[in-house]
């Protein structure tokens, strides 16, 4: 049935009323009668009908305000997301509330306003491009969730760039085994953590929470923290490299976790722990991401690509876009002498 739109008079305001495809009635204020003549109000009704004809979902949605959409999203995802991920989503919600004052409806946030929000993150808030991209990705997810629950009909953030800048493949640093050995000597606690990262390519959280009960003779069982499977945290099995196997045999099993970082109370200062250990060992500081990148590159050189991706825990496309590096030895191949040339 074709929807009909009616202009209603509600005390000092004009209203438009319509019925959606499910038979639900909707009303929206068009403005004060003191500011809007009947003819102008009728023109707005016709304009709304045209907009709904172009995007029917806007006619049928509940058109919740931004604040209600954010509250609903965070409530639903609280039991689904990893605590660290949920914290990032809450931060995005706070930034949306801060910029879009007045608590507008999500459907009223046109693409230009979303573009202004992205620019505001970079200029007024001073966030780096990678962080801005992260918040844009989360904003898209929030809007998609609202659409799936019929709380909105359009995603005003869909056009925003959310892909973090890619580092050039030749600029991606690889960590040498000698650097790991130096850190193990200078700082045993950090040495355990970076050894796990270098030999097994685990993410920071995975390396920190790896337990002795997850270690078998020739493999590690990577278990999502808290048992929650996410886009990044999922169960997988990683081969134990010979170098790591020798270390596991020699490490004392006095803690629940293999690295012992949690028991030492260093979980929230990992970056400083690794950086300090690097400086004490006379090594250029690096991150756990650098260790993961190094192992991904080594495995791609030594085993089939699908096996390397299964062990490292991401896709081939992600590996090529963000991880695989060019080892230094490929720049130092001995020159081939050509004899008999004219």
C-alpha atoms as a PDB file:
ATOM      1  CA  UNK A   1       0.000   0.000   0.000  1.00  0.00           C
ATOM      2  CA  UNK A   2       1.301   3.397  -0.934  1.00  0.00           C
ATOM      3  CA  UNK A   3       1.936   5.532   2.175  1.00  0.00           C
ATOM      4  CA  UNK A   4       0.063   8.778   2.624  1.00  0.00           C
ATOM      5  CA  UNK A   5       1.405  11.872   4.350  1.00  0.00           C
ATOM      6  CA  UNK A   6      -0.816  14.281   6.271  1.00  0.00           C
ATOM      7  CA  UNK A   7      -0.164  17.753   7.600  1.00  0.00           C
ATOM      8  CA  UNK A   8      -1.459  18.043  11.160  1.00  0.00           C
ATOM      9  CA  UNK A   9      -1.883  21.049  13.402  1.00  0.00           C
ATOM     10  CA  UNK A  10      -0.570  20.453  16.916  1.00  0.00           C
ATOM     11  CA  UNK A  11      -1.147  23.556  19.046  1.00  0.00           C
ATOM     12  CA  UNK A  12       1.617  25.980  18.083  1.00  0.00           C
ATOM     13  CA  UNK A  13       3.399  23.529  15.760  1.00  0.00           C
ATOM     14  CA  UNK A  14       2.942  21.868  12.385  1.00  0.00           C
ATOM     15  CA  UNK A  15       3.323  18.091  12.239  1.00  0.00           C
ATOM     16  CA  UNK A  16       3.577  15.519   9.480  1.00  0.00           C
ATOM     17  CA  UNK A  17       2.097  12.062  10.064  1.00  0.00           C
ATOM     18  CA  UNK A  18       2.466   8.853   8.041  1.00  0.00           C
ATOM     19  CA  UNK A  19       2.192   5.076   8.372  1.00  0.00           C
ATOM     20  CA  UNK A  20       5.104   2.778   7.544  1.00  0.00           C
ATOM     21  CA  UNK A  21       5.079  -0.599   5.766  1.00  0.00           C
ATOM     22  CA  UNK A  22       4.452  -2.431   9.054  1.00  0.00           C
ATOM     23  CA  UNK A  23       1.411  -0.303   9.854  1.00  0.00           C
ATOM     24  CA  UNK A  24       3.160   1.754  12.517  1.00  0.00           C
ATOM     25  CA  UNK A  25       2.275   5.414  12.777  1.00  0.00           C
ATOM     26  CA  UNK A  26       4.973   8.080  12.765  1.00  0.00           C
ATOM     27  CA  UNK A  27       4.885  11.791  13.497  1.00  0.00           C
ATOM     28  CA  UNK A  28       7.473  14.486  13.103  1.00  0.00           C
ATOM     29  CA  UNK A  29       7.435  18.143  13.947  1.00  0.00           C
ATOM     30  CA  UNK A  30       7.921  20.495  11.012  1.00  0.00           C
ATOM     31  CA  UNK A  31       8.329  23.689  13.013  1.00  0.00           C
ATOM     32  CA  UNK A  32       6.463  26.424  14.816  1.00  0.00           C
ATOM     33  CA  UNK A  33       3.440  28.019  13.170  1.00  0.00           C
ATOM     34  CA  UNK A  34       4.912  31.397  14.011  1.00  0.00           C
ATOM     35  CA  UNK A  35       7.875  30.604  11.759  1.00  0.00           C
ATOM     36  CA  UNK A  36       6.165  28.517   9.084  1.00  0.00           C
ATOM     37  CA  UNK A  37       3.070  29.198   6.970  1.00  0.00           C
ATOM     38  CA  UNK A  38       0.698  26.400   6.011  1.00  0.00           C
ATOM     39  CA  UNK A  39       1.932  26.503   2.419  1.00  0.00           C
ATOM     40  CA  UNK A  40       5.548  26.185   3.587  1.00  0.00           C
ATOM     41  CA  UNK A  41       4.598  23.315   5.891  1.00  0.00           C
ATOM     42  CA  UNK A  42       2.798  21.526   3.023  1.00  0.00           C
ATOM     43  CA  UNK A  43       5.916  21.959   0.884  1.00  0.00           C
ATOM     44  CA  UNK A  44       7.982  20.285   3.601  1.00  0.00           C
ATOM     45  CA  UNK A  45       5.521  17.394   3.722  1.00  0.00           C
ATOM     46  CA  UNK A  46       5.933  16.889  -0.031  1.00  0.00           C
ATOM     47  CA  UNK A  47       9.712  17.106   0.316  1.00  0.00           C
ATOM     48  CA  UNK A  48       9.648  14.430   3.031  1.00  0.00           C
ATOM     49  CA  UNK A  49       7.515  12.165   0.831  1.00  0.00           C
ATOM     50  CA  UNK A  50      10.052  12.511  -1.984  1.00  0.00           C
ATOM     51  CA  UNK A  51      12.953  11.711   0.383  1.00  0.00           C
ATOM     52  CA  UNK A  52      11.146   8.600   1.627  1.00  0.00           C
ATOM     53  CA  UNK A  53      10.486   7.548  -1.954  1.00  0.00           C
ATOM     54  CA  UNK A  54      14.223   7.682  -2.650  1.00  0.00           C
ATOM     55  CA  UNK A  55      15.167   5.951   0.624  1.00  0.00           C
ATOM     56  CA  UNK A  56      12.135   3.903   1.804  1.00  0.00           C
ATOM     57  CA  UNK A  57      13.968   2.764   4.906  1.00  0.00           C
ATOM     58  CA  UNK A  58      13.763   6.279   6.316  1.00  0.00           C
ATOM     59  CA  UNK A  59       9.977   6.022   6.185  1.00  0.00           C
ATOM     60  CA  UNK A  60       9.905   2.759   8.156  1.00  0.00           C
ATOM     61  CA  UNK A  61      12.620   3.396  10.759  1.00  0.00           C
ATOM     62  CA  UNK A  62      11.949   4.546  14.298  1.00  0.00           C
ATOM     63  CA  UNK A  63      14.345   7.476  13.766  1.00  0.00           C
ATOM     64  CA  UNK A  64      16.000   7.305  17.182  1.00  0.00           C
ATOM     65  CA  UNK A  65      18.186  10.128  18.370  1.00  0.00           C
ATOM     66  CA  UNK A  66      21.936   9.683  18.391  1.00  0.00           C
ATOM     67  CA  UNK A  67      22.197   9.337  22.168  1.00  0.00           C
ATOM     68  CA  UNK A  68      19.630   6.526  22.274  1.00  0.00           C
ATOM     69  CA  UNK A  69      21.346   4.749  19.370  1.00  0.00           C
ATOM     70  CA  UNK A  70      24.710   4.891  21.148  1.00  0.00           C
ATOM     71  CA  UNK A  71      23.272   3.722  24.474  1.00  0.00           C
ATOM     72  CA  UNK A  72      21.482   0.830  22.782  1.00  0.00           C
ATOM     73  CA  UNK A  73      24.585  -0.199  20.823  1.00  0.00           C
ATOM     74  CA  UNK A  74      26.910  -0.206  23.853  1.00  0.00           C
ATOM     75  CA  UNK A  75      24.370  -2.163  25.901  1.00  0.00           C
ATOM     76  CA  UNK A  76      23.982  -4.867  23.252  1.00  0.00           C
ATOM     77  CA  UNK A  77      27.696  -5.190  22.484  1.00  0.00           C
ATOM     78  CA  UNK A  78      28.861  -5.210  26.117  1.00  0.00           C
ATOM     79  CA  UNK A  79      28.702  -9.002  26.300  1.00  0.00           C
ATOM     80  CA  UNK A  80      30.016  -9.497  22.756  1.00  0.00           C
ATOM     81  CA  UNK A  81      33.163  -7.386  22.642  1.00  0.00           C
ATOM     82  CA  UNK A  82      36.519  -7.813  24.297  1.00  0.00           C
ATOM     83  CA  UNK A  83      36.925  -5.284  27.164  1.00  0.00           C
ATOM     84  CA  UNK A  84      39.679  -3.402  25.321  1.00  0.00           C
ATOM     85  CA  UNK A  85      37.567  -3.259  22.143  1.00  0.00           C
ATOM     86  CA  UNK A  86      34.497  -2.146  24.094  1.00  0.00           C
ATOM     87  CA  UNK A  87      36.575   0.643  25.627  1.00  0.00           C
ATOM     88  CA  UNK A  88      37.501   1.887  22.141  1.00  0.00           C
ATOM     89  CA  UNK A  89      33.832   1.805  21.051  1.00  0.00           C
ATOM     90  CA  UNK A  90      32.823   3.782  24.121  1.00  0.00           C
ATOM     91  CA  UNK A  91      35.483   6.354  23.271  1.00  0.00           C
ATOM     92  CA  UNK A  92      34.041   6.701  19.770  1.00  0.00           C
ATOM     93  CA  UNK A  93      30.567   7.153  21.254  1.00  0.00           C
ATOM     94  CA  UNK A  94      31.886   9.904  23.537  1.00  0.00           C
ATOM     95  CA  UNK A  95      33.470  11.700  20.565  1.00  0.00           C
ATOM     96  CA  UNK A  96      30.196  11.491  18.633  1.00  0.00           C
ATOM     97  CA  UNK A  97      28.250  12.954  21.554  1.00  0.00           C
ATOM     98  CA  UNK A  98      30.824  15.703  22.015  1.00  0.00           C
ATOM     99  CA  UNK A  99      30.677  16.872  18.412  1.00  0.00           C
ATOM    100  CA  UNK A 100      26.981  16.400  17.596  1.00  0.00           C
ATOM    101  CA  UNK A 101      25.516  18.655  20.266  1.00  0.00           C
ATOM    102  CA  UNK A 102      21.765  18.779  20.692  1.00  0.00           C
ATOM    103  CA  UNK A 103      21.352  14.998  20.396  1.00  0.00           C
ATOM    104  CA  UNK A 104      20.119  14.931  16.762  1.00  0.00           C
ATOM    105  CA  UNK A 105      18.507  11.945  15.109  1.00  0.00           C
ATOM    106  CA  UNK A 106      20.969   9.633  13.392  1.00  0.00           C
ATOM    107  CA  UNK A 107      19.119   9.976  10.075  1.00  0.00           C
ATOM    108  CA  UNK A 108      19.593  13.740  10.244  1.00  0.00           C
ATOM    109  CA  UNK A 109      23.379  13.471  10.269  1.00  0.00           C
ATOM    110  CA  UNK A 110      24.070  14.114   6.601  1.00  0.00           C
ATOM    111  CA  UNK A 111      27.318  13.033   4.979  1.00  0.00           C
ATOM    112  CA  UNK A 112      28.697  16.556   5.155  1.00  0.00           C
ATOM    113  CA  UNK A 113      28.253  16.593   8.941  1.00  0.00           C
ATOM    114  CA  UNK A 114      30.014  13.242   9.189  1.00  0.00           C
ATOM    115  CA  UNK A 115      32.859  14.630   7.105  1.00  0.00           C
ATOM    116  CA  UNK A 116      33.075  17.613   9.464  1.00  0.00           C
ATOM    117  CA  UNK A 117      33.245  15.200  12.423  1.00  0.00           C
ATOM    118  CA  UNK A 118      36.168  13.364  10.867  1.00  0.00           C
ATOM    119  CA  UNK A 119      38.002  16.625  10.211  1.00  0.00           C
ATOM    120  CA  UNK A 120      37.281  17.745  13.777  1.00  0.00           C
ATOM    121  CA  UNK A 121      38.904  14.577  15.147  1.00  0.00           C
ATOM    122  CA  UNK A 122      42.124  15.403  13.310  1.00  0.00           C
ATOM    123  CA  UNK A 123      42.212  19.181  13.807  1.00  0.00           C
ATOM    124  CA  UNK A 124      40.463  20.133  17.044  1.00  0.00           C
ATOM    125  CA  UNK A 125      41.110  16.872  18.896  1.00  0.00           C
ATOM    126  CA  UNK A 126      44.587  16.456  17.415  1.00  0.00           C
ATOM    127  CA  UNK A 127      44.269  12.716  16.794  1.00  0.00           C
ATOM    128  CA  UNK A 128      46.626  10.909  14.442  1.00  0.00           C
ATOM    129  CA  UNK A 129      45.379   9.553  11.121  1.00  0.00           C
ATOM    130  CA  UNK A 130      45.410   5.933  12.275  1.00  0.00           C
ATOM    131  CA  UNK A 131      43.324   6.807  15.350  1.00  0.00           C
ATOM    132  CA  UNK A 132      40.903   8.878  13.263  1.00  0.00           C
ATOM    133  CA  UNK A 133      40.478   5.925  10.903  1.00  0.00           C
ATOM    134  CA  UNK A 134      39.760   3.638  13.848  1.00  0.00           C
ATOM    135  CA  UNK A 135      36.980   5.899  15.150  1.00  0.00           C
ATOM    136  CA  UNK A 136      35.501   6.190  11.654  1.00  0.00           C
ATOM    137  CA  UNK A 137      35.370   2.413  11.338  1.00  0.00           C
ATOM    138  CA  UNK A 138      33.631   2.103  14.699  1.00  0.00           C
ATOM    139  CA  UNK A 139      31.130   4.856  13.791  1.00  0.00           C
ATOM    140  CA  UNK A 140      30.236   2.905  10.646  1.00  0.00           C
ATOM    141  CA  UNK A 141      29.666  -0.246  12.717  1.00  0.00           C
ATOM    142  CA  UNK A 142      27.426   1.639  15.163  1.00  0.00           C
ATOM    143  CA  UNK A 143      25.295   3.067  12.354  1.00  0.00           C
ATOM    144  CA  UNK A 144      25.013  -0.318  10.622  1.00  0.00           C
ATOM    145  CA  UNK A 145      23.808  -1.830  13.886  1.00  0.00           C
ATOM    146  CA  UNK A 146      21.150   0.888  14.192  1.00  0.00           C
ATOM    147  CA  UNK A 147      19.993   0.170  10.631  1.00  0.00           C
ATOM    148  CA  UNK A 148      19.774  -3.558  11.359  1.00  0.00           C
ATOM    149  CA  UNK A 149      17.449  -2.780  14.290  1.00  0.00           C
ATOM    150  CA  UNK A 150      15.424  -0.312  12.191  1.00  0.00           C
ATOM    151  CA  UNK A 151      16.464   2.593  14.402  1.00  0.00           C
ATOM    152  CA  UNK A 152      17.853   4.400  11.367  1.00  0.00           C
ATOM    153  CA  UNK A 153      17.727   4.076   7.603  1.00  0.00           C
ATOM    154  CA  UNK A 154      21.008   5.550   6.420  1.00  0.00           C
ATOM    155  CA  UNK A 155      24.640   5.346   7.477  1.00  0.00           C
ATOM    156  CA  UNK A 156      26.028   8.896   7.429  1.00  0.00           C
ATOM    157  CA  UNK A 157      29.548   7.606   8.111  1.00  0.00           C
ATOM    158  CA  UNK A 158      29.699   5.030   5.324  1.00  0.00           C
ATOM    159  CA  UNK A 159      31.692   7.284   2.978  1.00  0.00           C
ATOM    160  CA  UNK A 160      34.389   8.158   5.511  1.00  0.00           C
ATOM    161  CA  UNK A 161      37.895   6.820   4.984  1.00  0.00           C
ATOM    162  CA  UNK A 162      38.530   4.234   7.676  1.00  0.00           C
ATOM    163  CA  UNK A 163      41.568   2.402   6.324  1.00  0.00           C
ATOM    164  CA  UNK A 164      44.707   3.289   8.241  1.00  0.00           C
ATOM    165  CA  UNK A 165      47.683   4.448   6.163  1.00  0.00           C
ATOM    166  CA  UNK A 166      49.810   1.556   5.004  1.00  0.00           C
ATOM    167  CA  UNK A 167      53.503   1.592   5.639  1.00  0.00           C
ATOM    168  CA  UNK A 168      55.672   0.972   2.607  1.00  0.00           C
ATOM    169  CA  UNK A 169      56.853  -2.624   2.442  1.00  0.00           C
ATOM    170  CA  UNK A 170      60.536  -1.646   2.453  1.00  0.00           C
ATOM    171  CA  UNK A 171      60.086   0.510   5.559  1.00  0.00           C
ATOM    172  CA  UNK A 172      58.664  -2.296   7.704  1.00  0.00           C
ATOM    173  CA  UNK A 173      61.277  -3.214  10.263  1.00  0.00           C
ATOM    174  CA  UNK A 174      62.361  -6.789  10.899  1.00  0.00           C
ATOM    175  CA  UNK A 175      63.909  -7.805  14.223  1.00  0.00           C
ATOM    176  CA  UNK A 176      67.027  -9.963  14.194  1.00  0.00           C
ATOM    177  CA  UNK A 177      67.499 -12.912  16.557  1.00  0.00           C
ATOM    178  CA  UNK A 178      70.651 -11.266  17.957  1.00  0.00           C
ATOM    179  CA  UNK A 179      68.476  -8.427  19.252  1.00  0.00           C
ATOM    180  CA  UNK A 180      66.225 -10.907  21.074  1.00  0.00           C
ATOM    181  CA  UNK A 181      69.254 -12.600  22.625  1.00  0.00           C
ATOM    182  CA  UNK A 182      70.586  -9.257  23.874  1.00  0.00           C
ATOM    183  CA  UNK A 183      67.257  -8.409  25.538  1.00  0.00           C
ATOM    184  CA  UNK A 184      67.010 -11.849  27.159  1.00  0.00           C
ATOM    185  CA  UNK A 185      70.383 -11.207  28.766  1.00  0.00           C
ATOM    186  CA  UNK A 186      69.627  -7.627  29.837  1.00  0.00           C
ATOM    187  CA  UNK A 187      66.067  -8.160  31.129  1.00  0.00           C
ATOM    188  CA  UNK A 188      64.763 -11.739  31.610  1.00  0.00           C
ATOM    189  CA  UNK A 189      61.123 -10.643  32.155  1.00  0.00           C
ATOM    190  CA  UNK A 190      60.963  -8.676  28.908  1.00  0.00           C
ATOM    191  CA  UNK A 191      63.081 -11.408  27.307  1.00  0.00           C
ATOM    192  CA  UNK A 192      60.359 -13.992  27.788  1.00  0.00           C
ATOM    193  CA  UNK A 193      57.723 -11.755  26.256  1.00  0.00           C
ATOM    194  CA  UNK A 194      59.734 -10.724  23.181  1.00  0.00           C
ATOM    195  CA  UNK A 195      60.881 -14.318  22.634  1.00  0.00           C
ATOM    196  CA  UNK A 196      57.270 -15.480  22.498  1.00  0.00           C
ATOM    197  CA  UNK A 197      56.510 -12.639  20.089  1.00  0.00           C
ATOM    198  CA  UNK A 198      59.511 -13.336  17.842  1.00  0.00           C
ATOM    199  CA  UNK A 199      59.203 -17.139  17.660  1.00  0.00           C
ATOM    200  CA  UNK A 200      55.381 -17.482  17.693  1.00  0.00           C
ATOM    201  CA  UNK A 201      54.153 -14.175  16.218  1.00  0.00           C
ATOM    202  CA  UNK A 202      51.464 -13.769  18.881  1.00  0.00           C
ATOM    203  CA  UNK A 203      49.597 -10.529  19.361  1.00  0.00           C
ATOM    204  CA  UNK A 204      50.460  -8.603  22.515  1.00  0.00           C
ATOM    205  CA  UNK A 205      47.372  -9.753  24.423  1.00  0.00           C
ATOM    206  CA  UNK A 206      47.863 -13.342  23.247  1.00  0.00           C
ATOM    207  CA  UNK A 207      51.497 -13.393  24.370  1.00  0.00           C
ATOM    208  CA  UNK A 208      50.674 -11.855  27.746  1.00  0.00           C
ATOM    209  CA  UNK A 209      47.817 -14.283  28.493  1.00  0.00           C
ATOM    210  CA  UNK A 210      49.440 -17.449  27.103  1.00  0.00           C
ATOM    211  CA  UNK A 211      49.312 -20.050  29.898  1.00  0.00           C
ATOM    212  CA  UNK A 212      51.490 -23.092  30.508  1.00  0.00           C
ATOM    213  CA  UNK A 213      48.358 -25.224  30.178  1.00  0.00           C
ATOM    214  CA  UNK A 214      48.123 -24.032  26.555  1.00  0.00           C
ATOM    215  CA  UNK A 215      51.572 -25.420  25.709  1.00  0.00           C
ATOM    216  CA  UNK A 216      51.951 -28.890  24.213  1.00  0.00           C
ATOM    217  CA  UNK A 217      55.037 -30.698  22.995  1.00  0.00           C
ATOM    218  CA  UNK A 218      55.084 -29.140  19.527  1.00  0.00           C
ATOM    219  CA  UNK A 219      52.299 -26.546  19.491  1.00  0.00           C
ATOM    220  CA  UNK A 220      50.701 -23.622  21.302  1.00  0.00           C
ATOM    221  CA  UNK A 221      46.958 -23.329  21.730  1.00  0.00           C
ATOM    222  CA  UNK A 222      46.000 -19.673  21.386  1.00  0.00           C
ATOM    223  CA  UNK A 223      42.768 -19.187  23.316  1.00  0.00           C
ATOM    224  CA  UNK A 224      40.728 -15.934  23.146  1.00  0.00           C
ATOM    225  CA  UNK A 225      40.926 -14.007  26.412  1.00  0.00           C
ATOM    226  CA  UNK A 226      37.801 -14.640  28.463  1.00  0.00           C
ATOM    227  CA  UNK A 227      36.621 -17.189  25.899  1.00  0.00           C
ATOM    228  CA  UNK A 228      35.217 -14.437  23.662  1.00  0.00           C
ATOM    229  CA  UNK A 229      35.776 -14.878  19.937  1.00  0.00           C
ATOM    230  CA  UNK A 230      36.205 -11.590  18.084  1.00  0.00           C
ATOM    231  CA  UNK A 231      37.408 -10.567  14.624  1.00  0.00           C
ATOM    232  CA  UNK A 232      40.992 -10.787  15.880  1.00  0.00           C
ATOM    233  CA  UNK A 233      40.782 -13.006  18.947  1.00  0.00           C
ATOM    234  CA  UNK A 234      39.934 -16.546  17.931  1.00  0.00           C
ATOM    235  CA  UNK A 235      41.198 -19.998  18.774  1.00  0.00           C
ATOM    236  CA  UNK A 236      44.090 -21.275  16.666  1.00  0.00           C
ATOM    237  CA  UNK A 237      47.072 -23.621  16.932  1.00  0.00           C
ATOM    238  CA  UNK A 238      50.620 -22.335  16.380  1.00  0.00           C
ATOM    239  CA  UNK A 239      53.682 -24.487  15.774  1.00  0.00           C
ATOM    240  CA  UNK A 240      56.410 -24.210  18.399  1.00  0.00           C
ATOM    241  CA  UNK A 241      59.650 -23.305  16.651  1.00  0.00           C
ATOM    242  CA  UNK A 242      62.790 -25.190  17.830  1.00  0.00           C
ATOM    243  CA  UNK A 243      64.246 -22.023  19.372  1.00  0.00           C
ATOM    244  CA  UNK A 244      61.099 -21.443  21.424  1.00  0.00           C
ATOM    245  CA  UNK A 245      60.914 -25.120  22.420  1.00  0.00           C
ATOM    246  CA  UNK A 246      64.402 -24.905  23.924  1.00  0.00           C
ATOM    247  CA  UNK A 247      63.445 -21.795  25.864  1.00  0.00           C
ATOM    248  CA  UNK A 248      60.212 -23.317  27.173  1.00  0.00           C
ATOM    249  CA  UNK A 249      62.218 -26.236  28.502  1.00  0.00           C
ATOM    250  CA  UNK A 250      64.561 -23.911  30.389  1.00  0.00           C
ATOM    251  CA  UNK A 251      62.038 -21.419  31.792  1.00  0.00           C
ATOM    252  CA  UNK A 252      60.843 -21.995  35.347  1.00  0.00           C
ATOM    253  CA  UNK A 253      57.121 -22.721  35.540  1.00  0.00           C
ATOM    254  CA  UNK A 254      56.446 -20.714  38.680  1.00  0.00           C
ATOM    255  CA  UNK A 255      53.627 -18.627  37.171  1.00  0.00           C
ATOM    256  CA  UNK A 256      50.303 -19.446  35.492  1.00  0.00           C
ATOM    257  CA  UNK A 257      51.248 -17.492  32.371  1.00  0.00           C
ATOM    258  CA  UNK A 258      54.327 -18.307  30.330  1.00  0.00           C
ATOM    259  CA  UNK A 259      55.615 -14.727  30.097  1.00  0.00           C
ATOM    260  CA  UNK A 260      54.940 -13.926  33.762  1.00  0.00           C
ATOM    261  CA  UNK A 261      54.031 -10.342  32.919  1.00  0.00           C
ATOM    262  CA  UNK A 262      50.614 -10.481  34.578  1.00  0.00           C
ATOM    263  CA  UNK A 263      52.019 -11.888  37.799  1.00  0.00           C
ATOM    264  CA  UNK A 264      54.695  -9.157  37.816  1.00  0.00           C
ATOM    265  CA  UNK A 265      52.031  -6.454  37.575  1.00  0.00           C
ATOM    266  CA  UNK A 266      53.403  -5.094  34.287  1.00  0.00           C
ATOM    267  CA  UNK A 267      50.334  -5.624  32.090  1.00  0.00           C
ATOM    268  CA  UNK A 268      49.620  -1.906  31.679  1.00  0.00           C
ATOM    269  CA  UNK A 269      53.207  -0.795  31.098  1.00  0.00           C
ATOM    270  CA  UNK A 270      54.349  -3.261  28.444  1.00  0.00           C
ATOM    271  CA  UNK A 271      55.510  -0.571  26.047  1.00  0.00           C
ATOM    272  CA  UNK A 272      57.753   0.974  28.693  1.00  0.00           C
ATOM    273  CA  UNK A 273      59.035  -2.450  29.804  1.00  0.00           C
ATOM    274  CA  UNK A 274      60.065  -3.413  26.265  1.00  0.00           C
ATOM    275  CA  UNK A 275      61.487   0.015  25.454  1.00  0.00           C
ATOM    276  CA  UNK A 276      63.533   0.053  28.675  1.00  0.00           C
ATOM    277  CA  UNK A 277      64.831  -3.467  27.998  1.00  0.00           C
ATOM    278  CA  UNK A 278      65.827  -2.479  24.456  1.00  0.00           C
ATOM    279  CA  UNK A 279      67.799   0.494  25.715  1.00  0.00           C
ATOM    280  CA  UNK A 280      69.529  -1.576  28.405  1.00  0.00           C
ATOM    281  CA  UNK A 281      70.479  -4.131  25.747  1.00  0.00           C
ATOM    282  CA  UNK A 282      71.708  -1.478  23.326  1.00  0.00           C
ATOM    283  CA  UNK A 283      68.995  -2.341  20.801  1.00  0.00           C
ATOM    284  CA  UNK A 284      66.892   0.124  18.810  1.00  0.00           C
ATOM    285  CA  UNK A 285      63.456   0.062  20.505  1.00  0.00           C
ATOM    286  CA  UNK A 286      60.745  -1.969  18.780  1.00  0.00           C
ATOM    287  CA  UNK A 287      57.172  -3.094  19.438  1.00  0.00           C
ATOM    288  CA  UNK A 288      55.365  -6.419  19.661  1.00  0.00           C
ATOM    289  CA  UNK A 289      53.896  -5.554  16.260  1.00  0.00           C
ATOM    290  CA  UNK A 290      57.423  -5.520  14.826  1.00  0.00           C
ATOM    291  CA  UNK A 291      58.003  -9.007  16.246  1.00  0.00           C
ATOM    292  CA  UNK A 292      54.746 -10.280  14.758  1.00  0.00           C
ATOM    293  CA  UNK A 293      55.662  -8.770  11.385  1.00  0.00           C
ATOM    294  CA  UNK A 294      59.074 -10.457  11.500  1.00  0.00           C
ATOM    295  CA  UNK A 295      57.638 -13.895  12.218  1.00  0.00           C
ATOM    296  CA  UNK A 296      54.960 -13.509   9.536  1.00  0.00           C
ATOM    297  CA  UNK A 297      57.644 -12.704   6.969  1.00  0.00           C
ATOM    298  CA  UNK A 298      59.835 -15.637   8.061  1.00  0.00           C
ATOM    299  CA  UNK A 299      56.948 -18.100   7.869  1.00  0.00           C
ATOM    300  CA  UNK A 300      55.882 -16.834   4.444  1.00  0.00           C
ATOM    301  CA  UNK A 301      59.407 -17.609   3.248  1.00  0.00           C
ATOM    302  CA  UNK A 302      59.559 -21.109   4.727  1.00  0.00           C
ATOM    303  CA  UNK A 303      56.035 -22.618   4.635  1.00  0.00           C
ATOM    304  CA  UNK A 304      53.030 -22.365   2.273  1.00  0.00           C
ATOM    305  CA  UNK A 305      51.152 -19.076   2.554  1.00  0.00           C
ATOM    306  CA  UNK A 306      47.923 -20.663   3.821  1.00  0.00           C
ATOM    307  CA  UNK A 307      49.870 -22.386   6.611  1.00  0.00           C
ATOM    308  CA  UNK A 308      51.621 -19.146   7.598  1.00  0.00           C
ATOM    309  CA  UNK A 309      48.252 -17.347   7.740  1.00  0.00           C
ATOM    310  CA  UNK A 310      46.720 -20.131   9.845  1.00  0.00           C
ATOM    311  CA  UNK A 311      49.544 -19.873  12.372  1.00  0.00           C
ATOM    312  CA  UNK A 312      49.764 -16.072  12.449  1.00  0.00           C
ATOM    313  CA  UNK A 313      45.979 -15.611  12.629  1.00  0.00           C
ATOM    314  CA  UNK A 314      45.123 -13.226   9.807  1.00  0.00           C
ATOM    315  CA  UNK A 315      44.406 -13.332   6.083  1.00  0.00           C
ATOM    316  CA  UNK A 316      46.854 -13.247   3.206  1.00  0.00           C
ATOM    317  CA  UNK A 317      45.561  -9.809   2.218  1.00  0.00           C
ATOM    318  CA  UNK A 318      46.206  -8.409   5.690  1.00  0.00           C
ATOM    319  CA  UNK A 319      49.668  -9.930   5.636  1.00  0.00           C
ATOM    320  CA  UNK A 320      50.544  -8.270   2.346  1.00  0.00           C
ATOM    321  CA  UNK A 321      48.981  -4.920   3.246  1.00  0.00           C
ATOM    322  CA  UNK A 322      50.413  -4.527   6.737  1.00  0.00           C
ATOM    323  CA  UNK A 323      52.938  -7.192   7.752  1.00  0.00           C
ATOM    324  CA  UNK A 324      55.208  -8.719   5.122  1.00  0.00           C
ATOM    325  CA  UNK A 325      58.582  -6.985   4.978  1.00  0.00           C
ATOM    326  CA  UNK A 326      61.676  -7.241   2.783  1.00  0.00           C
ATOM    327  CA  UNK A 327      64.500  -8.954   4.735  1.00  0.00           C
ATOM    328  CA  UNK A 328      67.855  -7.229   4.603  1.00  0.00           C
ATOM    329  CA  UNK A 329      69.606 -10.178   2.969  1.00  0.00           C
ATOM    330  CA  UNK A 330      67.744  -9.538  -0.275  1.00  0.00           C
ATOM    331  CA  UNK A 331      69.585  -6.221  -0.575  1.00  0.00           C
ATOM    332  CA  UNK A 332      72.959  -7.889  -0.087  1.00  0.00           C
ATOM    333  CA  UNK A 333      72.863 -10.635  -2.719  1.00  0.00           C
ATOM    334  CA  UNK A 334      76.357 -10.961  -4.224  1.00  0.00           C
ATOM    335  CA  UNK A 335      76.619  -9.434  -7.659  1.00  0.00           C
ATOM    336  CA  UNK A 336      76.711 -11.932 -10.523  1.00  0.00           C
ATOM    337  CA  UNK A 337      79.744 -11.453 -12.764  1.00  0.00           C
ATOM    338  CA  UNK A 338      78.967 -11.722 -16.451  1.00  0.00           C
ATOM    339  CA  UNK A 339      81.839 -13.047 -18.577  1.00  0.00           C
ATOM    340  CA  UNK A 340      82.165 -13.012 -22.318  1.00  0.00           C
ATOM    341  CA  UNK A 341      80.250  -9.770 -22.647  1.00  0.00           C
ATOM    342  CA  UNK A 342      81.112  -7.705 -25.702  1.00  0.00           C
END
